[in-house]
């Protein structure tokens, strides 16, 4: 787990409890988990939108090339 031993993880958990208190800690962790999930979902959507953009560009490029050839043939 990121090169941390159990002693380091316990120390970090203890510091979190001291800083935020036992009552706020569950809501803090819940919000952190939601943020990570939203970030992952956003990262998963990003490549799809890039693929769609590149497909649109290639389609418009192809259409313009066809139109250029049609006008050149006439």
PDB file of N, CA and C in Angstrom:
ATOM      1  N   UNK A   1       0.833  -1.173   0.000  1.00  0.00           N
ATOM      2  CA  UNK A   1       0.000   0.000   0.000  1.00  0.00           C
ATOM      3  C   UNK A   1       0.884   1.244   0.000  1.00  0.00           C
ATOM      4  N   UNK A   2       1.325   1.663  -1.134  1.00  0.00           N
ATOM      5  CA  UNK A   2       2.154   2.849  -1.337  1.00  0.00           C
ATOM      6  C   UNK A   2       3.456   2.807  -0.549  1.00  0.00           C
ATOM      7  N   UNK A   3       3.925   1.633  -0.237  1.00  0.00           N
ATOM      8  CA  UNK A   3       5.180   1.506   0.487  1.00  0.00           C
ATOM      9  C   UNK A   3       5.082   1.879   1.958  1.00  0.00           C
ATOM     10  N   UNK A   4       3.877   1.951   2.496  1.00  0.00           N
ATOM     11  CA  UNK A   4       3.691   2.282   3.908  1.00  0.00           C
ATOM     12  C   UNK A   4       3.430   1.011   4.699  1.00  0.00           C
ATOM     13  N   UNK A   5       4.024   0.923   5.860  1.00  0.00           N
ATOM     14  CA  UNK A   5       3.758  -0.195   6.752  1.00  0.00           C
ATOM     15  C   UNK A   5       2.526   0.074   7.592  1.00  0.00           C
ATOM     16  N   UNK A   6       2.123  -0.943   8.355  1.00  0.00           N
ATOM     17  CA  UNK A   6       0.936  -0.786   9.185  1.00  0.00           C
ATOM     18  C   UNK A   6       1.136   0.267  10.270  1.00  0.00           C
ATOM     19  N   UNK A   7       2.339   0.424  10.742  1.00  0.00           N
ATOM     20  CA  UNK A   7       2.595   1.429  11.776  1.00  0.00           C
ATOM     21  C   UNK A   7       2.376   2.835  11.224  1.00  0.00           C
ATOM     22  N   UNK A   8       2.840   3.075  10.000  1.00  0.00           N
ATOM     23  CA  UNK A   8       2.651   4.393   9.390  1.00  0.00           C
ATOM     24  C   UNK A   8       1.179   4.669   9.112  1.00  0.00           C
ATOM     25  N   UNK A   9       0.459   3.650   8.636  1.00  0.00           N
ATOM     26  CA  UNK A   9      -0.970   3.817   8.366  1.00  0.00           C
ATOM     27  C   UNK A   9      -1.718   4.119   9.662  1.00  0.00           C
ATOM     28  N   UNK A  10      -1.380   3.425  10.737  1.00  0.00           N
ATOM     29  CA  UNK A  10      -2.021   3.671  12.031  1.00  0.00           C
ATOM     30  C   UNK A  10      -1.709   5.078  12.533  1.00  0.00           C
ATOM     31  N   UNK A  11      -0.488   5.530  12.335  1.00  0.00           N
ATOM     32  CA  UNK A  11      -0.110   6.882  12.743  1.00  0.00           C
ATOM     33  C   UNK A  11      -0.905   7.929  11.962  1.00  0.00           C
ATOM     34  N   UNK A  12      -1.030   7.739  10.667  1.00  0.00           N
ATOM     35  CA  UNK A  12      -1.794   8.680   9.838  1.00  0.00           C
ATOM     36  C   UNK A  12      -3.261   8.678  10.255  1.00  0.00           C
ATOM     37  N   UNK A  13      -3.828   7.499  10.509  1.00  0.00           N
ATOM     38  CA  UNK A  13      -5.219   7.411  10.963  1.00  0.00           C
ATOM     39  C   UNK A  13      -5.394   8.124  12.301  1.00  0.00           C
ATOM     40  N   UNK A  14      -4.439   7.967  13.204  1.00  0.00           N
ATOM     41  CA  UNK A  14      -4.504   8.654  14.493  1.00  0.00           C
ATOM     42  C   UNK A  14      -4.460  10.160  14.337  1.00  0.00           C
ATOM     43  N   UNK A  15      -3.636  10.641  13.438  1.00  0.00           N
ATOM     44  CA  UNK A  15      -3.559  12.086  13.186  1.00  0.00           C
ATOM     45  C   UNK A  15      -4.881  12.602  12.633  1.00  0.00           C
ATOM     46  N   UNK A  16      -5.502  11.836  11.716  1.00  0.00           N
ATOM     47  CA  UNK A  16      -6.808  12.235  11.185  1.00  0.00           C
ATOM     48  C   UNK A  16      -7.845  12.329  12.297  1.00  0.00           C
ATOM     49  N   UNK A  17      -7.845  11.376  13.196  1.00  0.00           N
ATOM     50  CA  UNK A  17      -8.807  11.390  14.302  1.00  0.00           C
ATOM     51  C   UNK A  17      -8.564  12.601  15.192  1.00  0.00           C
ATOM     52  N   UNK A  18      -7.309  12.917  15.458  1.00  0.00           N
ATOM     53  CA  UNK A  18      -7.008  14.080  16.292  1.00  0.00           C
ATOM     54  C   UNK A  18      -7.398  15.388  15.609  1.00  0.00           C
ATOM     55  N   UNK A  19      -7.143  15.489  14.307  1.00  0.00           N
ATOM     56  CA  UNK A  19      -7.438  16.728  13.594  1.00  0.00           C
ATOM     57  C   UNK A  19      -8.932  16.950  13.385  1.00  0.00           C
ATOM     58  N   UNK A  20      -9.631  15.918  12.955  1.00  0.00           N
ATOM     59  CA  UNK A  20     -11.023  16.093  12.551  1.00  0.00           C
ATOM     60  C   UNK A  20     -12.029  15.580  13.567  1.00  0.00           C
ATOM     61  N   UNK A  21     -11.591  14.842  14.543  1.00  0.00           N
ATOM     62  CA  UNK A  21     -12.502  14.301  15.544  1.00  0.00           C
ATOM     63  C   UNK A  21     -13.207  13.050  15.038  1.00  0.00           C
ATOM     64  N   UNK A  22     -13.633  12.225  15.961  1.00  0.00           N
ATOM     65  CA  UNK A  22     -14.272  10.963  15.610  1.00  0.00           C
ATOM     66  C   UNK A  22     -15.619  11.132  14.930  1.00  0.00           C
ATOM     67  N   UNK A  23     -16.331  12.210  15.241  1.00  0.00           N
ATOM     68  CA  UNK A  23     -17.667  12.405  14.680  1.00  0.00           C
ATOM     69  C   UNK A  23     -17.617  12.834  13.216  1.00  0.00           C
ATOM     70  N   UNK A  24     -16.657  13.657  12.858  1.00  0.00           N
ATOM     71  CA  UNK A  24     -16.578  14.170  11.491  1.00  0.00           C
ATOM     72  C   UNK A  24     -15.857  13.219  10.537  1.00  0.00           C
ATOM     73  N   UNK A  25     -15.103  12.297  11.074  1.00  0.00           N
ATOM     74  CA  UNK A  25     -14.276  11.427  10.244  1.00  0.00           C
ATOM     75  C   UNK A  25     -15.086  10.581   9.254  1.00  0.00           C
ATOM     76  N   UNK A  26     -16.202   9.948   9.638  1.00  0.00           N
ATOM     77  CA  UNK A  26     -16.957   9.160   8.652  1.00  0.00           C
ATOM     78  C   UNK A  26     -17.488   9.995   7.488  1.00  0.00           C
ATOM     79  N   UNK A  27     -18.005  11.185   7.780  1.00  0.00           N
ATOM     80  CA  UNK A  27     -18.514  12.029   6.697  1.00  0.00           C
ATOM     81  C   UNK A  27     -17.374  12.537   5.820  1.00  0.00           C
ATOM     82  N   UNK A  28     -16.227  12.795   6.425  1.00  0.00           N
ATOM     83  CA  UNK A  28     -15.060  13.228   5.657  1.00  0.00           C
ATOM     84  C   UNK A  28     -14.612  12.134   4.695  1.00  0.00           C
ATOM     85  N   UNK A  29     -14.533  10.903   5.181  1.00  0.00           N
ATOM     86  CA  UNK A  29     -14.120   9.782   4.333  1.00  0.00           C
ATOM     87  C   UNK A  29     -15.158   9.503   3.245  1.00  0.00           C
ATOM     88  N   UNK A  30     -16.445   9.640   3.573  1.00  0.00           N
ATOM     89  CA  UNK A  30     -17.510   9.433   2.599  1.00  0.00           C
ATOM     90  C   UNK A  30     -17.400  10.461   1.475  1.00  0.00           C
ATOM     91  N   UNK A  31     -17.190  11.716   1.832  1.00  0.00           N
ATOM     92  CA  UNK A  31     -17.042  12.760   0.826  1.00  0.00           C
ATOM     93  C   UNK A  31     -15.791  12.553  -0.015  1.00  0.00           C
ATOM     94  N   UNK A  32     -14.715  12.086   0.613  1.00  0.00           N
ATOM     95  CA  UNK A  32     -13.493  11.824  -0.131  1.00  0.00           C
ATOM     96  C   UNK A  32     -13.711  10.684  -1.130  1.00  0.00           C
ATOM     97  N   UNK A  33     -14.433   9.650  -0.717  1.00  0.00           N
ATOM     98  CA  UNK A  33     -14.744   8.535  -1.611  1.00  0.00           C
ATOM     99  C   UNK A  33     -15.593   8.974  -2.782  1.00  0.00           C
ATOM    100  N   UNK A  34     -16.575   9.821  -2.532  1.00  0.00           N
ATOM    101  CA  UNK A  34     -17.418  10.345  -3.617  1.00  0.00           C
ATOM    102  C   UNK A  34     -16.593  11.174  -4.591  1.00  0.00           C
ATOM    103  N   UNK A  35     -15.686  11.963  -4.066  1.00  0.00           N
ATOM    104  CA  UNK A  35     -14.837  12.784  -4.928  1.00  0.00           C
ATOM    105  C   UNK A  35     -13.956  11.926  -5.817  1.00  0.00           C
ATOM    106  N   UNK A  36     -13.400  10.866  -5.252  1.00  0.00           N
ATOM    107  CA  UNK A  36     -12.555   9.964  -6.044  1.00  0.00           C
ATOM    108  C   UNK A  36     -13.382   9.286  -7.127  1.00  0.00           C
ATOM    109  N   UNK A  37     -14.606   8.853  -6.791  1.00  0.00           N
ATOM    110  CA  UNK A  37     -15.469   8.215  -7.787  1.00  0.00           C
ATOM    111  C   UNK A  37     -15.845   9.179  -8.904  1.00  0.00           C
ATOM    112  N   UNK A  38     -16.154  10.429  -8.567  1.00  0.00           N
ATOM    113  CA  UNK A  38     -16.473  11.425  -9.586  1.00  0.00           C
ATOM    114  C   UNK A  38     -15.273  11.689 -10.483  1.00  0.00           C
ATOM    115  N   UNK A  39     -14.092  11.728  -9.894  1.00  0.00           N
ATOM    116  CA  UNK A  39     -12.877  11.943 -10.677  1.00  0.00           C
ATOM    117  C   UNK A  39     -12.656  10.791 -11.647  1.00  0.00           C
ATOM    118  N   UNK A  40     -12.821   9.558 -11.165  1.00  0.00           N
ATOM    119  CA  UNK A  40     -12.647   8.389 -12.031  1.00  0.00           C
ATOM    120  C   UNK A  40     -13.671   8.389 -13.160  1.00  0.00           C
ATOM    121  N   UNK A  41     -14.912   8.757 -12.849  1.00  0.00           N
ATOM    122  CA  UNK A  41     -15.949   8.808 -13.879  1.00  0.00           C
ATOM    123  C   UNK A  41     -15.619   9.875 -14.916  1.00  0.00           C
ATOM    124  N   UNK A  42     -15.122  11.000 -14.469  1.00  0.00           N
ATOM    125  CA  UNK A  42     -14.723  12.057 -15.400  1.00  0.00           C
ATOM    126  C   UNK A  42     -13.564  11.636 -16.281  1.00  0.00           C
ATOM    127  N   UNK A  43     -12.622  10.915 -15.719  1.00  0.00           N
ATOM    128  CA  UNK A  43     -11.486  10.431 -16.508  1.00  0.00           C
ATOM    129  C   UNK A  43     -11.936   9.386 -17.520  1.00  0.00           C
ATOM    130  N   UNK A  44     -12.935   8.587 -17.182  1.00  0.00           N
ATOM    131  CA  UNK A  44     -13.437   7.573 -18.108  1.00  0.00           C
ATOM    132  C   UNK A  44     -14.194   8.224 -19.259  1.00  0.00           C
ATOM    133  N   UNK A  45     -14.856   9.344 -19.021  1.00  0.00           N
ATOM    134  CA  UNK A  45     -15.613  10.025 -20.064  1.00  0.00           C
ATOM    135  C   UNK A  45     -14.715  10.826 -20.990  1.00  0.00           C
ATOM    136  N   UNK A  46     -13.587  11.261 -20.528  1.00  0.00           N
ATOM    137  CA  UNK A  46     -12.700  12.111 -21.322  1.00  0.00           C
ATOM    138  C   UNK A  46     -12.234  11.433 -22.607  1.00  0.00           C
ATOM    139  N   UNK A  47     -11.725  10.212 -22.574  1.00  0.00           N
ATOM    140  CA  UNK A  47     -11.290   9.594 -23.833  1.00  0.00           C
ATOM    141  C   UNK A  47     -12.436   9.388 -24.816  1.00  0.00           C
ATOM    142  N   UNK A  48     -13.640   9.095 -24.322  1.00  0.00           N
ATOM    143  CA  UNK A  48     -14.777   8.911 -25.212  1.00  0.00           C
ATOM    144  C   UNK A  48     -15.086  10.200 -25.956  1.00  0.00           C
ATOM    145  N   UNK A  49     -15.048  11.327 -25.269  1.00  0.00           N
ATOM    146  CA  UNK A  49     -15.344  12.596 -25.920  1.00  0.00           C
ATOM    147  C   UNK A  49     -14.249  12.957 -26.914  1.00  0.00           C
ATOM    148  N   UNK A  50     -13.006  12.600 -26.616  1.00  0.00           N
ATOM    149  CA  UNK A  50     -11.925  12.854 -27.561  1.00  0.00           C
ATOM    150  C   UNK A  50     -12.093  12.013 -28.812  1.00  0.00           C
ATOM    151  N   UNK A  51     -12.520  10.760 -28.661  1.00  0.00           N
ATOM    152  CA  UNK A  51     -12.749   9.903 -29.815  1.00  0.00           C
ATOM    153  C   UNK A  51     -13.875  10.458 -30.669  1.00  0.00           C
ATOM    154  N   UNK A  52     -14.946  10.939 -30.034  1.00  0.00           N
ATOM    155  CA  UNK A  52     -16.060  11.506 -30.780  1.00  0.00           C
ATOM    156  C   UNK A  52     -15.618  12.745 -31.548  1.00  0.00           C
ATOM    157  N   UNK A  53     -14.806  13.587 -30.924  1.00  0.00           N
ATOM    158  CA  UNK A  53     -14.319  14.786 -31.594  1.00  0.00           C
ATOM    159  C   UNK A  53     -13.461  14.432 -32.796  1.00  0.00           C
ATOM    160  N   UNK A  54     -12.598  13.442 -32.648  1.00  0.00           N
ATOM    161  CA  UNK A  54     -11.727  13.068 -33.758  1.00  0.00           C
ATOM    162  C   UNK A  54     -12.535  12.446 -34.888  1.00  0.00           C
ATOM    163  N   UNK A  55     -13.604  11.705 -34.566  1.00  0.00           N
ATOM    164  CA  UNK A  55     -14.463  11.139 -35.605  1.00  0.00           C
ATOM    165  C   UNK A  55     -15.185  12.248 -36.358  1.00  0.00           C
ATOM    166  N   UNK A  56     -15.654  13.258 -35.643  1.00  0.00           N
ATOM    167  CA  UNK A  56     -16.336  14.376 -36.291  1.00  0.00           C
ATOM    168  C   UNK A  56     -15.383  15.123 -37.214  1.00  0.00           C
ATOM    169  N   UNK A  57     -14.146  15.326 -36.773  1.00  0.00           N
ATOM    170  CA  UNK A  57     -13.170  16.023 -37.597  1.00  0.00           C
ATOM    171  C   UNK A  57     -12.844  15.227 -38.848  1.00  0.00           C
ATOM    172  N   UNK A  58     -12.672  13.919 -38.720  1.00  0.00           N
ATOM    173  CA  UNK A  58     -12.341  13.110 -39.887  1.00  0.00           C
ATOM    174  C   UNK A  58     -13.515  13.068 -40.851  1.00  0.00           C
ATOM    175  N   UNK A  59     -14.745  13.066 -40.337  1.00  0.00           N
ATOM    176  CA  UNK A  59     -15.922  13.078 -41.197  1.00  0.00           C
ATOM    177  C   UNK A  59     -16.017  14.397 -41.946  1.00  0.00           C
ATOM    178  N   UNK A  60     -15.793  15.502 -41.255  1.00  0.00           N
ATOM    179  CA  UNK A  60     -15.869  16.803 -41.922  1.00  0.00           C
ATOM    180  C   UNK A  60     -14.725  16.967 -42.919  1.00  0.00           C
ATOM    181  N   UNK A  61     -13.538  16.438 -42.611  1.00  0.00           N
ATOM    182  CA  UNK A  61     -12.419  16.481 -43.548  1.00  0.00           C
ATOM    183  C   UNK A  61     -12.731  15.669 -44.791  1.00  0.00           C
ATOM    184  N   UNK A  62     -13.335  14.511 -44.613  1.00  0.00           N
ATOM    185  CA  UNK A  62     -13.682  13.659 -45.749  1.00  0.00           C
ATOM    186  C   UNK A  62     -14.725  14.338 -46.620  1.00  0.00           C
ATOM    187  N   UNK A  63     -15.711  14.956 -46.005  1.00  0.00           N
ATOM    188  CA  UNK A  63     -16.747  15.647 -46.770  1.00  0.00           C
ATOM    189  C   UNK A  63     -16.150  16.792 -47.578  1.00  0.00           C
ATOM    190  N   UNK A  64     -15.245  17.547 -46.976  1.00  0.00           N
ATOM    191  CA  UNK A  64     -14.654  18.673 -47.698  1.00  0.00           C
ATOM    192  C   UNK A  64     -13.788  18.180 -48.850  1.00  0.00           C
ATOM    193  N   UNK A  65     -13.089  17.067 -48.686  1.00  0.00           N
ATOM    194  CA  UNK A  65     -12.275  16.516 -49.767  1.00  0.00           C
ATOM    195  C   UNK A  65     -13.151  16.043 -50.916  1.00  0.00           C
ATOM    196  N   UNK A  66     -14.284  15.423 -50.596  1.00  0.00           N
ATOM    197  CA  UNK A  66     -15.206  14.966 -51.638  1.00  0.00           C
ATOM    198  C   UNK A  66     -15.767  16.163 -52.382  1.00  0.00           C
ATOM    199  N   UNK A  67     -16.138  17.200 -51.665  1.00  0.00           N
ATOM    200  CA  UNK A  67     -16.675  18.395 -52.308  1.00  0.00           C
ATOM    201  C   UNK A  67     -15.631  19.054 -53.202  1.00  0.00           C
ATOM    202  N   UNK A  68     -14.374  19.077 -52.767  1.00  0.00           N
ATOM    203  CA  UNK A  68     -13.306  19.648 -53.582  1.00  0.00           C
ATOM    204  C   UNK A  68     -13.124  18.862 -54.869  1.00  0.00           C
ATOM    205  N   UNK A  69     -13.161  17.554 -54.789  1.00  0.00           N
ATOM    206  CA  UNK A  69     -13.000  16.724 -55.980  1.00  0.00           C
ATOM    207  C   UNK A  69     -14.176  16.887 -56.922  1.00  0.00           C
ATOM    208  N   UNK A  70     -15.392  17.007 -56.368  1.00  0.00           N
ATOM    209  CA  UNK A  70     -16.571  17.187 -57.209  1.00  0.00           C
ATOM    210  C   UNK A  70     -16.497  18.510 -57.958  1.00  0.00           C
ATOM    211  N   UNK A  71     -16.051  19.565 -57.299  1.00  0.00           N
ATOM    212  CA  UNK A  71     -15.958  20.861 -57.976  1.00  0.00           C
ATOM    213  C   UNK A  71     -14.809  20.862 -58.976  1.00  0.00           C
ATOM    214  N   UNK A  72     -13.771  20.099 -58.715  1.00  0.00           N
ATOM    215  CA  UNK A  72     -12.646  20.035 -59.649  1.00  0.00           C
ATOM    216  C   UNK A  72     -13.020  19.247 -60.892  1.00  0.00           C
ATOM    217  N   UNK A  73     -13.860  18.225 -60.750  1.00  0.00           N
ATOM    218  CA  UNK A  73     -14.274  17.409 -61.881  1.00  0.00           C
ATOM    219  C   UNK A  73     -15.253  18.150 -62.780  1.00  0.00           C
ATOM    220  N   UNK A  74     -15.974  19.102 -62.265  1.00  0.00           N
ATOM    221  CA  UNK A  74     -16.999  19.804 -63.047  1.00  0.00           C
ATOM    222  C   UNK A  74     -16.397  20.822 -63.911  1.00  0.00           C
TER     223      UNK A  74
END
